[in-house]
Amino acid sequence: MVKSAGVVSSATLLSRIFGLVREQVFAYLFGAGLYTDAFVAAFRIPNLLRDLFAEGVMVTAFVPAFTDSLTNKGKEEAFHLANLVINALLVILSIVILCGIIFSPVLVKLITPGFDKIPGKIELTTLLAQIMFPFLLLVSLAAVCMGMLNSFGHFSTPALAPTMFNLGTILAGFFFCPFFDPPIIGMAIGTLLGGMGQLFIQLPALRRRGFSYKPVFNLHHPGVKKILILMTPAIFGVASTQINIFISTILASLLPEGSVSYLNYSYRLMYLPLGVFGVAVATVNLPLVSSFIAQKKMEEVRSTFTSSLKLVLFLIIPSTIFLMVASQSIISVLYQHGKFTFLDTVATSRALIFYSLGLFGFATMRVTAPVFYALNEAKTPVMISATAVVVNIILNFILMHPLGYNGLALATSIAGVVNCLLLLWKIDKRIGPLDKKDIGRNTFKILMASLIMGVAVLLIQFLFPLDLQRALLIHKIFLLIMALLIGFFSYAWVCHLLKVEELKKVLDILKGFKGR
């Protein structure tokens, strides 16, 4: 599991690097104003549905069903199930996309009422949403391909697939945008090209495993019914999550211009360690746990989940501390170019700190919630998700007045922690008892090592003060690299002294990669 997670983390890291370059292109070309606000809000509409039909509910329900079919009925039946799911998505999503394009003006006004204050902002957001709606179909089909490959133990290609999406958007910034007025339309077209790349890069690997597309359609197939049964309660959970996201977007649109952009830039940065570590471990964990459940090996389920949880905390907690103590340096290096000013850096760094507080909760959720789906118990994570969403919405209204957009980020983090704790409480009852003393002792050691690492990074910044508003980029990069290295080695050294077992696992994997 650790070795596969290392493969996924490496591939995902490359993808996230390209993702940061994509955000740099946005920051350089469009800053944190009208165009970026409009694009972020427009992309959010099809991207919300992505949670339902792609990497969210659908693939979480699909992988256990596909793995069960592959384990107990063979490859041919599993591929037949996959074709049924693909064709169902083609029909359903074509209708959804058509309706989305038609009703985009209504949806945009619903989620961005504050955009009315600026002439043309609503109309531009609507146009961008209509252009990008077909992205939903492309990314959903790519998610099915990812689920199949992961079930075969092939993780590298699916993890690299988002790189194609980021690359498409980056190239669009330089080659498409100059030909459109306004230029941001080129980024919307680049989103579609990136979605196509994310799908097509996985097809050769699937063909090598014997998969071929067949135009079959049967919603009454037992495997399809199983997926629908898992999806049905989860749809309500996703719906409740979307309500929260819609409300957050509405509230951010009512705040000063740039608030939507600040939240987007900071969330993307927070998502870097979440994607590289949290999502990577969760990606490997789901098919492995699903396979053990299909074989009724509950002891292995418990052992695998515990290992996944401890590995995620080992990687995510120090990432959280580093993002918080080095937020301004990171954002200044990555985004403070072109139309993105130092004031934008300061504003974005504040949101990043508040988002980072919930990072361990988001990562733990990624590992824990899919286990319930693999156990055919979708109701539990859905009810917990709905509870967390209610908490999030209430906190949005309470915190936005004293803290502005930072309050929205803090509300999201608190709700994520609530969701995480409730999931752990339930999973302990379902597959446990977990070894809570071991997990608690291990987490305490990791937290101590992370805090010492944070002090070391702060010390570097104190000893080498830098004016981020006027300093040369090369100097800012040098300081950030120094902070990264000091943080990495201090964390590893303290973990070694405290005998944190995950350190040895990770080092063994790195030695294996070096040997090859």
Protein backbone atom coordinates (compact mmCIF):
# COMPACT_ATOMS: atom_id res chain seq x y z
CA MET A 1 0.00 0.00 0.00
CA VAL A 2 2.80 2.39 0.94
CA LYS A 3 4.71 1.58 -2.25
CA SER A 4 1.66 2.19 -4.45
CA ALA A 5 0.91 5.40 -2.55
CA GLY A 6 4.46 6.50 -3.29
CA VAL A 7 3.89 5.95 -7.01
CA VAL A 8 0.63 7.90 -6.93
CA SER A 9 2.18 10.69 -4.83
CA SER A 10 5.05 11.08 -7.30
CA ALA A 11 2.72 11.25 -10.29
CA THR A 12 0.30 13.51 -8.47
CA LEU A 13 3.15 15.82 -7.44
CA LEU A 14 4.02 16.33 -11.11
CA SER A 15 0.38 17.07 -11.83
CA ARG A 16 0.16 19.54 -8.93
CA ILE A 17 3.31 21.30 -10.11
CA PHE A 18 1.63 21.85 -13.47
CA GLY A 19 -1.46 22.91 -11.54
CA LEU A 20 0.57 25.58 -9.77
CA VAL A 21 1.99 26.70 -13.11
CA ARG A 22 -1.60 26.97 -14.36
CA GLU A 23 -2.50 29.16 -11.40
CA GLN A 24 0.61 31.24 -12.05
CA VAL A 25 -0.54 31.79 -15.61
CA PHE A 26 -3.93 32.95 -14.28
CA ALA A 27 -2.28 35.24 -11.73
CA TYR A 28 0.13 36.68 -14.30
CA LEU A 29 -2.43 37.27 -17.04
CA PHE A 30 -5.53 38.15 -15.04
CA GLY A 31 -4.51 38.90 -11.42
CA ALA A 32 -7.27 38.68 -8.79
CA GLY A 33 -10.04 40.73 -10.34
CA LEU A 34 -13.01 40.63 -12.72
CA TYR A 35 -11.78 37.99 -15.19
CA THR A 36 -10.49 35.55 -12.58
CA ASP A 37 -13.62 35.95 -10.44
CA ALA A 38 -15.80 35.25 -13.49
CA PHE A 39 -13.80 32.17 -14.56
CA VAL A 40 -13.70 30.69 -11.05
CA ALA A 41 -17.46 31.14 -10.59
CA ALA A 42 -18.23 29.79 -14.09
CA PHE A 43 -16.02 26.72 -13.70
CA ARG A 44 -17.54 26.01 -10.32
CA ILE A 45 -20.91 25.14 -11.90
CA PRO A 46 -19.78 22.09 -13.99
CA ASN A 47 -17.13 21.33 -11.39
CA LEU A 48 -19.79 20.91 -8.70
CA LEU A 49 -21.53 18.25 -10.78
CA ARG A 50 -18.12 16.61 -11.17
CA ASP A 51 -18.38 15.56 -7.51
CA LEU A 52 -21.46 13.54 -8.42
CA PHE A 53 -20.53 12.04 -11.79
CA ALA A 54 -16.72 11.85 -11.62
CA GLU A 55 -14.16 11.60 -8.79
CA GLY A 56 -16.84 12.02 -6.13
CA VAL A 57 -19.85 9.79 -5.59
CA MET A 58 -19.89 7.89 -8.88
CA VAL A 59 -16.33 6.61 -8.88
CA THR A 60 -16.49 5.85 -5.14
CA ALA A 61 -19.52 3.67 -5.85
CA PHE A 62 -18.08 2.26 -9.09
CA VAL A 63 -14.73 0.98 -7.77
CA PRO A 64 -16.18 -1.41 -5.11
CA ALA A 65 -18.71 -2.79 -7.63
CA PHE A 66 -16.08 -3.18 -10.37
CA THR A 67 -13.57 -4.75 -7.94
CA ASP A 68 -16.18 -7.18 -6.64
CA SER A 69 -17.07 -8.20 -10.21
CA LEU A 70 -13.39 -8.52 -11.14
CA THR A 71 -12.61 -10.61 -8.04
CA ASN A 72 -15.62 -12.95 -8.10
CA LYS A 73 -16.80 -13.02 -11.74
CA GLY A 74 -13.74 -12.33 -13.87
CA LYS A 75 -12.39 -9.68 -16.19
CA GLU A 76 -14.97 -10.08 -18.96
CA GLU A 77 -17.93 -9.45 -16.66
CA ALA A 78 -16.13 -6.52 -15.01
CA PHE A 79 -15.51 -4.89 -18.40
CA HIS A 80 -19.15 -5.47 -19.34
CA LEU A 81 -20.17 -3.59 -16.18
CA ALA A 82 -17.79 -0.76 -17.07
CA ASN A 83 -19.32 -0.42 -20.55
CA LEU A 84 -22.80 -0.26 -19.05
CA VAL A 85 -21.69 2.53 -16.71
CA ILE A 86 -19.94 4.45 -19.52
CA ASN A 87 -23.01 4.35 -21.76
CA ALA A 88 -25.30 5.35 -18.94
CA LEU A 89 -23.05 8.35 -18.30
CA LEU A 90 -23.07 9.27 -22.00
CA VAL A 91 -26.85 9.41 -22.05
CA ILE A 92 -27.42 11.07 -18.68
CA LEU A 93 -24.64 13.62 -18.94
CA SER A 94 -25.57 14.66 -22.47
CA ILE A 95 -28.97 15.66 -21.11
CA VAL A 96 -27.42 17.36 -18.06
CA ILE A 97 -24.96 19.33 -20.20
CA LEU A 98 -27.68 20.48 -22.61
CA CYS A 99 -29.84 21.66 -19.70
CA GLY A 100 -26.82 23.30 -18.10
CA ILE A 101 -26.02 25.31 -21.21
CA ILE A 102 -29.62 26.43 -21.55
CA PHE A 103 -30.08 27.39 -17.91
CA SER A 104 -26.59 28.82 -17.28
CA PRO A 105 -27.92 32.42 -17.06
CA VAL A 106 -30.22 31.38 -14.20
CA LEU A 107 -27.52 29.35 -12.41
CA VAL A 108 -24.95 32.14 -12.63
CA LYS A 109 -27.35 34.73 -11.21
CA LEU A 110 -28.23 32.28 -8.45
CA ILE A 111 -24.66 31.72 -7.22
CA THR A 112 -23.17 35.16 -7.94
CA PRO A 113 -25.75 37.84 -7.10
CA GLY A 114 -22.98 40.25 -6.12
CA PHE A 115 -21.61 40.23 -9.69
CA ASP A 116 -24.51 42.47 -10.75
CA LYS A 117 -22.65 45.42 -9.27
CA ILE A 118 -20.08 45.32 -12.09
CA PRO A 119 -21.38 45.78 -15.66
CA GLY A 120 -20.83 42.74 -17.88
CA LYS A 121 -19.56 40.42 -15.13
CA ILE A 122 -22.73 38.28 -15.03
CA GLU A 123 -22.80 37.96 -18.83
CA LEU A 124 -19.12 36.99 -19.01
CA THR A 125 -19.54 34.38 -16.26
CA THR A 126 -22.54 32.90 -18.10
CA LEU A 127 -20.63 32.63 -21.39
CA LEU A 128 -17.67 30.92 -19.72
CA ALA A 129 -19.97 28.44 -17.93
CA GLN A 130 -21.69 27.52 -21.22
CA ILE A 131 -18.34 26.91 -22.93
CA MET A 132 -17.02 24.71 -20.09
CA PHE A 133 -20.11 22.58 -19.39
CA PRO A 134 -18.99 19.69 -21.71
CA PHE A 135 -15.94 19.32 -19.44
CA LEU A 136 -18.28 17.41 -17.11
CA LEU A 137 -18.64 14.51 -19.59
CA LEU A 138 -14.91 14.33 -20.34
CA VAL A 139 -13.82 14.26 -16.71
CA SER A 140 -16.54 11.74 -15.78
CA LEU A 141 -15.40 9.26 -18.43
CA ALA A 142 -11.81 9.85 -17.32
CA ALA A 143 -12.86 9.00 -13.75
CA VAL A 144 -14.34 5.65 -14.86
CA CYS A 145 -11.08 4.83 -16.64
CA MET A 146 -9.20 5.76 -13.48
CA GLY A 147 -11.40 3.47 -11.39
CA MET A 148 -10.79 0.52 -13.71
CA LEU A 149 -7.02 1.00 -13.84
CA ASN A 150 -6.79 1.44 -10.06
CA SER A 151 -8.72 -1.79 -9.56
CA PHE A 152 -6.04 -3.54 -11.62
CA GLY A 153 -3.36 -2.03 -9.38
CA HIS A 154 -2.29 0.44 -12.08
CA PHE A 155 -2.01 3.85 -10.40
CA SER A 156 0.63 5.88 -12.24
CA THR A 157 -1.23 6.72 -15.47
CA PRO A 158 -4.49 7.82 -13.76
CA ALA A 159 -2.45 9.93 -11.35
CA LEU A 160 -0.67 11.57 -14.28
CA ALA A 161 -3.92 12.22 -16.18
CA PRO A 162 -4.71 15.57 -14.46
CA THR A 163 -1.34 16.79 -15.77
CA MET A 164 -2.90 16.82 -19.23
CA PHE A 165 -5.75 18.99 -17.94
CA ASN A 166 -3.32 21.47 -16.41
CA LEU A 167 -1.14 21.45 -19.52
CA GLY A 168 -4.13 22.23 -21.74
CA THR A 169 -5.03 25.26 -19.63
CA ILE A 170 -1.40 26.49 -19.51
CA LEU A 171 -0.99 26.31 -23.29
CA ALA A 172 -4.34 28.02 -23.78
CA GLY A 173 -3.13 30.97 -21.71
CA PHE A 174 -0.39 31.73 -24.21
CA PHE A 175 -1.74 30.42 -27.53
CA PHE A 176 -5.54 30.90 -27.33
CA CYS A 177 -6.14 33.89 -25.08
CA PRO A 178 -4.55 36.48 -27.42
CA PHE A 179 -7.12 35.64 -30.10
CA PHE A 180 -10.21 36.27 -27.96
CA ASP A 181 -11.86 39.33 -26.53
CA PRO A 182 -12.00 39.07 -23.60
CA PRO A 183 -8.90 36.82 -23.43
CA ILE A 184 -10.31 34.70 -20.57
CA ILE A 185 -12.46 32.86 -23.15
CA GLY A 186 -9.27 31.14 -24.32
CA MET A 187 -8.84 29.65 -20.85
CA ALA A 188 -12.34 28.18 -21.01
CA ILE A 189 -11.52 26.47 -24.32
CA GLY A 190 -8.25 25.25 -22.81
CA THR A 191 -10.28 23.62 -20.02
CA LEU A 192 -12.10 21.45 -22.60
CA LEU A 193 -8.84 20.48 -24.33
CA GLY A 194 -7.35 19.60 -20.96
CA GLY A 195 -10.36 17.40 -20.15
CA MET A 196 -9.89 15.55 -23.45
CA GLY A 197 -6.24 14.95 -22.63
CA GLN A 198 -7.14 13.66 -19.16
CA LEU A 199 -9.39 11.04 -20.78
CA PHE A 200 -7.30 10.00 -23.79
CA ILE A 201 -4.03 9.46 -21.90
CA GLN A 202 -5.63 6.56 -20.00
CA LEU A 203 -7.12 4.70 -22.97
CA PRO A 204 -3.90 2.90 -24.13
CA ALA A 205 -3.35 1.45 -20.63
CA LEU A 206 -6.94 0.18 -20.59
CA ARG A 207 -6.62 -1.41 -24.02
CA ARG A 208 -3.48 -3.25 -22.87
CA ARG A 209 -5.60 -4.85 -20.14
CA GLY A 210 -8.14 -6.07 -22.68
CA PHE A 211 -10.83 -3.40 -22.41
CA SER A 212 -12.74 -2.38 -25.52
CA TYR A 213 -15.74 -0.10 -25.75
CA LYS A 214 -19.13 -1.66 -26.56
CA PRO A 215 -22.41 0.25 -27.03
CA VAL A 216 -24.46 -1.72 -24.47
CA PHE A 217 -27.12 -0.26 -22.19
CA ASN A 218 -28.90 -1.97 -19.30
CA LEU A 219 -29.86 -0.17 -16.11
CA HIS A 220 -31.25 -3.42 -14.66
CA HIS A 221 -27.87 -5.18 -14.56
CA PRO A 222 -27.06 -6.28 -10.94
CA GLY A 223 -23.75 -4.41 -10.95
CA VAL A 224 -25.38 -1.21 -12.22
CA LYS A 225 -28.10 -1.59 -9.59
CA LYS A 226 -25.43 -1.95 -6.89
CA ILE A 227 -23.77 1.27 -8.05
CA LEU A 228 -27.11 3.08 -8.13
CA ILE A 229 -27.94 1.81 -4.63
CA LEU A 230 -24.62 3.17 -3.35
CA MET A 231 -25.07 6.43 -5.22
CA THR A 232 -28.66 7.16 -4.20
CA PRO A 233 -28.02 8.17 -0.57
CA ALA A 234 -24.70 9.72 -1.51
CA ILE A 235 -26.43 12.02 -4.01
CA PHE A 236 -28.18 13.70 -1.10
CA GLY A 237 -24.86 14.11 0.63
CA VAL A 238 -23.37 15.70 -2.47
CA ALA A 239 -26.47 17.86 -2.85
CA SER A 240 -26.03 19.13 0.69
CA THR A 241 -22.35 19.80 -0.01
CA GLN A 242 -23.26 21.74 -3.15
CA ILE A 243 -25.72 23.83 -1.15
CA ASN A 244 -22.84 24.82 1.10
CA ILE A 245 -20.57 25.62 -1.86
CA PHE A 246 -23.29 27.66 -3.52
CA ILE A 247 -23.85 29.63 -0.32
CA SER A 248 -20.10 30.19 0.11
CA THR A 249 -19.86 31.45 -3.48
CA ILE A 250 -22.88 33.71 -3.00
CA LEU A 251 -21.40 35.18 0.17
CA ALA A 252 -17.96 35.62 -1.40
CA SER A 253 -19.53 37.42 -4.39
CA LEU A 254 -21.10 39.91 -1.96
CA LEU A 255 -17.69 40.73 -0.45
CA PRO A 256 -15.16 43.14 -2.04
CA GLU A 257 -13.91 42.27 -5.52
CA GLY A 258 -11.12 39.72 -5.45
CA SER A 259 -12.59 37.72 -2.56
CA VAL A 260 -13.58 34.83 -4.85
CA SER A 261 -10.08 34.86 -6.37
CA TYR A 262 -8.29 34.95 -3.00
CA LEU A 263 -10.27 31.94 -1.81
CA ASN A 264 -9.62 30.08 -5.06
CA TYR A 265 -5.85 30.70 -5.10
CA SER A 266 -5.46 29.73 -1.44
CA TYR A 267 -7.64 26.63 -1.79
CA ARG A 268 -5.56 25.48 -4.75
CA LEU A 269 -2.40 25.76 -2.65
CA MET A 270 -3.99 23.96 0.27
CA TYR A 271 -5.03 21.23 -2.16
CA LEU A 272 -1.40 20.60 -3.20
CA PRO A 273 -0.46 18.45 -0.16
CA LEU A 274 -4.03 17.15 0.02
CA GLY A 275 -3.75 15.84 -3.54
CA VAL A 276 -0.16 14.64 -3.36
CA PHE A 277 -0.56 12.86 -0.02
CA GLY A 278 -4.19 12.56 1.11
CA VAL A 279 -5.83 11.75 -2.22
CA ALA A 280 -2.89 9.54 -3.24
CA VAL A 281 -3.22 7.33 -0.16
CA ALA A 282 -7.02 7.28 -0.50
CA THR A 283 -6.72 6.28 -4.18
CA VAL A 284 -4.65 3.23 -3.27
CA ASN A 285 -6.66 2.46 -0.16
CA LEU A 286 -10.09 2.14 -1.85
CA PRO A 287 -9.43 -0.73 -4.32
CA LEU A 288 -7.30 -2.55 -1.75
CA VAL A 289 -9.96 -2.31 0.97
CA SER A 290 -12.67 -3.21 -1.58
CA SER A 291 -10.72 -6.35 -2.52
CA PHE A 292 -10.38 -7.44 1.12
CA ILE A 293 -14.09 -6.78 1.72
CA ALA A 294 -14.98 -8.87 -1.35
CA GLN A 295 -12.89 -11.67 0.17
CA LYS A 296 -14.45 -11.06 3.64
CA LYS A 297 -11.05 -10.39 5.25
CA MET A 298 -12.04 -7.82 7.87
CA GLU A 299 -8.76 -8.02 9.82
CA GLU A 300 -6.91 -6.93 6.65
CA VAL A 301 -9.48 -4.15 6.14
CA ARG A 302 -8.80 -2.81 9.62
CA SER A 303 -5.02 -3.13 9.23
CA THR A 304 -4.99 -1.42 5.83
CA PHE A 305 -7.18 1.43 6.99
CA THR A 306 -5.05 2.02 10.10
CA SER A 307 -1.86 2.07 8.02
CA SER A 308 -3.45 4.50 5.56
CA LEU A 309 -4.62 6.80 8.33
CA LYS A 310 -1.21 6.90 10.04
CA LEU A 311 0.58 7.49 6.74
CA VAL A 312 -1.75 10.37 5.84
CA LEU A 313 -1.24 12.06 9.21
CA PHE A 314 2.55 11.59 8.92
CA LEU A 315 2.52 13.48 5.61
CA ILE A 316 -0.29 16.00 6.12
CA ILE A 317 0.39 17.42 9.61
CA PRO A 318 3.87 18.80 8.73
CA SER A 319 2.45 20.09 5.44
CA THR A 320 -0.16 22.01 7.44
CA ILE A 321 2.42 23.65 9.69
CA PHE A 322 4.67 24.56 6.76
CA LEU A 323 1.83 26.15 4.77
CA MET A 324 0.89 28.25 7.78
CA VAL A 325 4.36 29.53 8.71
CA ALA A 326 5.58 30.08 5.13
CA SER A 327 2.30 31.18 3.50
CA GLN A 328 3.47 34.59 2.31
CA SER A 329 6.77 33.28 0.94
CA ILE A 330 5.02 30.51 -0.99
CA ILE A 331 2.38 32.79 -2.51
CA SER A 332 4.89 35.53 -3.31
CA VAL A 333 7.08 33.09 -5.26
CA LEU A 334 4.23 31.40 -7.09
CA TYR A 335 1.75 34.18 -7.81
CA GLN A 336 3.25 37.64 -7.25
CA HIS A 337 3.90 38.42 -10.91
CA GLY A 338 2.20 40.54 -13.55
CA LYS A 339 -1.15 41.79 -12.30
CA PHE A 340 -0.93 39.90 -9.00
CA THR A 341 0.38 42.42 -6.44
CA PHE A 342 1.94 42.18 -2.98
CA LEU A 343 -1.40 43.18 -1.46
CA ASP A 344 -2.95 40.19 -3.25
CA THR A 345 -0.20 38.02 -1.74
CA VAL A 346 -1.01 39.19 1.79
CA ALA A 347 -4.76 38.70 1.26
CA THR A 348 -4.34 35.21 -0.23
CA SER A 349 -1.91 34.11 2.50
CA ARG A 350 -4.47 34.88 5.20
CA ALA A 351 -7.05 32.66 3.53
CA LEU A 352 -4.41 29.93 3.10
CA ILE A 353 -3.70 29.91 6.85
CA PHE A 354 -7.39 29.45 7.66
CA TYR A 355 -7.82 26.72 5.03
CA SER A 356 -4.70 24.92 6.30
CA LEU A 357 -6.24 24.50 9.75
CA GLY A 358 -8.62 21.92 8.31
CA LEU A 359 -6.14 20.14 6.07
CA PHE A 360 -5.75 17.08 8.29
CA GLY A 361 -9.54 16.79 8.48
CA PHE A 362 -9.93 16.93 4.68
CA ALA A 363 -7.20 14.30 4.20
CA THR A 364 -8.63 11.96 6.86
CA MET A 365 -12.07 12.23 5.25
CA ARG A 366 -10.57 11.17 1.91
CA VAL A 367 -9.26 7.94 3.45
CA THR A 368 -12.20 7.16 5.74
CA ALA A 369 -15.40 7.90 3.81
CA PRO A 370 -14.74 5.50 0.86
CA VAL A 371 -14.43 2.57 3.29
CA PHE A 372 -18.13 2.92 4.07
CA TYR A 373 -18.96 2.81 0.35
CA ALA A 374 -16.87 -0.33 -0.03
CA LEU A 375 -18.92 -1.80 2.86
CA ASN A 376 -22.16 -0.86 1.03
CA GLU A 377 -22.98 1.62 3.78
CA ALA A 378 -23.27 4.93 1.95
CA LYS A 379 -25.84 6.28 4.40
CA THR A 380 -23.31 6.85 7.21
CA PRO A 381 -20.88 9.20 5.41
CA VAL A 382 -23.83 10.97 3.79
CA MET A 383 -25.49 11.75 7.12
CA ILE A 384 -22.17 12.90 8.56
CA SER A 385 -21.50 15.04 5.49
CA ALA A 386 -24.92 16.66 5.79
CA THR A 387 -24.23 17.43 9.46
CA ALA A 388 -20.88 19.02 8.61
CA VAL A 389 -22.49 21.07 5.84
CA VAL A 390 -25.05 22.48 8.26
CA VAL A 391 -22.19 23.42 10.59
CA ASN A 392 -20.36 25.02 7.67
CA ILE A 393 -23.34 27.11 6.57
CA ILE A 394 -24.03 28.37 10.08
CA LEU A 395 -20.36 29.28 10.59
CA ASN A 396 -20.27 31.03 7.18
CA PHE A 397 -22.88 33.52 8.34
CA ILE A 398 -21.30 33.92 11.78
CA LEU A 399 -17.67 34.37 10.66
CA MET A 400 -17.97 36.30 7.39
CA HIS A 401 -18.87 39.57 9.11
CA PRO A 402 -15.86 39.82 11.47
CA LEU A 403 -13.39 38.01 9.16
CA GLY A 404 -14.69 38.58 5.60
CA TYR A 405 -13.59 35.95 3.08
CA ASN A 406 -11.20 34.55 5.72
CA GLY A 407 -14.27 33.62 7.77
CA LEU A 408 -15.54 31.50 4.87
CA ALA A 409 -12.21 29.64 4.74
CA LEU A 410 -12.22 29.11 8.52
CA ALA A 411 -15.82 27.82 8.43
CA THR A 412 -14.83 25.29 5.77
CA SER A 413 -11.91 24.07 7.89
CA ILE A 414 -13.96 23.70 11.08
CA ALA A 415 -16.66 21.78 9.21
CA GLY A 416 -13.97 19.51 7.73
CA VAL A 417 -12.63 18.69 11.20
CA VAL A 418 -16.18 17.94 12.43
CA ASN A 419 -16.73 15.63 9.45
CA CYS A 420 -13.40 13.88 10.07
CA LEU A 421 -14.02 13.25 13.78
CA LEU A 422 -17.52 11.88 13.20
CA LEU A 423 -16.27 9.55 10.46
CA LEU A 424 -13.49 8.19 12.69
CA TRP A 425 -15.99 7.62 15.50
CA LYS A 426 -18.26 5.63 13.17
CA ILE A 427 -15.51 3.66 11.43
CA ASP A 428 -14.18 2.54 14.82
CA LYS A 429 -17.58 1.02 15.56
CA ARG A 430 -17.93 -0.55 12.10
CA ILE A 431 -14.54 -2.20 11.45
CA GLY A 432 -12.89 -1.69 14.84
CA PRO A 433 -11.99 -1.58 17.47
CA LEU A 434 -9.07 0.42 16.13
CA ASP A 435 -5.90 0.65 18.17
CA LYS A 436 -6.64 4.18 19.37
CA LYS A 437 -3.69 4.30 21.78
CA ASP A 438 -1.25 3.47 18.98
CA ILE A 439 -2.84 5.98 16.60
CA GLY A 440 -2.97 8.66 19.29
CA ARG A 441 0.63 8.10 20.39
CA ASN A 442 1.82 8.15 16.78
CA THR A 443 -0.13 11.33 16.02
CA PHE A 444 1.29 13.08 19.09
CA LYS A 445 4.85 12.29 17.97
CA ILE A 446 4.09 13.59 14.47
CA LEU A 447 2.57 16.78 15.88
CA MET A 448 5.62 17.43 18.09
CA ALA A 449 7.99 16.88 15.17
CA SER A 450 5.86 19.17 12.98
CA LEU A 451 5.83 21.97 15.57
CA ILE A 452 9.62 21.79 15.95
CA MET A 453 9.87 21.92 12.15
CA GLY A 454 7.63 25.01 12.16
CA VAL A 455 9.87 26.74 14.72
CA ALA A 456 12.92 25.94 12.55
CA VAL A 457 11.26 27.48 9.48
CA LEU A 458 10.26 30.60 11.44
CA LEU A 459 13.84 30.89 12.67
CA ILE A 460 15.15 30.85 9.09
CA GLN A 461 12.72 33.61 8.15
CA PHE A 462 13.79 35.62 11.21
CA LEU A 463 17.51 35.23 10.52
CA PHE A 464 17.12 36.06 6.82
CA PRO A 465 14.42 38.76 6.67
CA LEU A 466 13.21 39.59 3.19
CA ASP A 467 10.97 42.35 1.87
CA LEU A 468 8.59 40.27 -0.24
CA GLN A 469 7.18 43.38 -1.91
CA ARG A 470 10.50 44.54 -3.40
CA ALA A 471 12.85 41.55 -3.27
CA LEU A 472 14.04 39.91 -6.45
CA LEU A 473 12.35 36.63 -7.40
CA ILE A 474 15.64 34.71 -7.20
CA HIS A 475 16.10 35.82 -3.58
CA LYS A 476 12.55 34.79 -2.67
CA ILE A 477 13.03 31.39 -4.32
CA PHE A 478 16.31 30.88 -2.45
CA LEU A 479 14.66 31.67 0.89
CA LEU A 480 11.73 29.34 0.18
CA ILE A 481 14.02 26.48 -0.87
CA MET A 482 16.10 26.99 2.28
CA ALA A 483 12.93 26.90 4.40
CA LEU A 484 11.79 23.72 2.64
CA LEU A 485 15.09 21.95 3.19
CA ILE A 486 15.39 23.01 6.83
CA GLY A 487 11.77 21.99 7.38
CA PHE A 488 12.21 18.60 5.71
CA PHE A 489 15.41 17.61 7.53
CA SER A 490 14.31 18.92 10.93
CA TYR A 491 11.02 17.00 10.66
CA ALA A 492 12.75 13.80 9.54
CA TRP A 493 15.39 14.14 12.29
CA VAL A 494 12.83 14.60 15.08
CA CYS A 495 10.69 11.73 13.71
CA HIS A 496 13.81 9.56 13.76
CA LEU A 497 14.50 10.48 17.38
CA LEU A 498 10.87 9.78 18.34
CA LYS A 499 10.90 6.49 16.37
CA VAL A 500 7.93 7.31 14.14
CA GLU A 501 7.47 4.09 12.15
CA GLU A 502 6.08 5.81 9.02
CA LEU A 503 9.46 7.51 8.48
CA LYS A 504 11.16 4.15 7.95
CA LYS A 505 8.41 3.02 5.55
CA VAL A 506 8.74 6.15 3.44
CA LEU A 507 12.55 5.99 3.42
CA ASP A 508 12.44 2.32 2.37
CA ILE A 509 10.22 3.23 -0.58
CA LEU A 510 12.51 6.10 -1.58
CA LYS A 511 15.50 3.74 -1.45
CA GLY A 512 13.61 1.33 -3.70
CA PHE A 513 12.93 4.10 -6.25
CA LYS A 514 16.60 5.14 -6.12
CA GLY A 515 17.71 1.55 -6.65
CA ARG A 516 15.59 1.25 -9.78
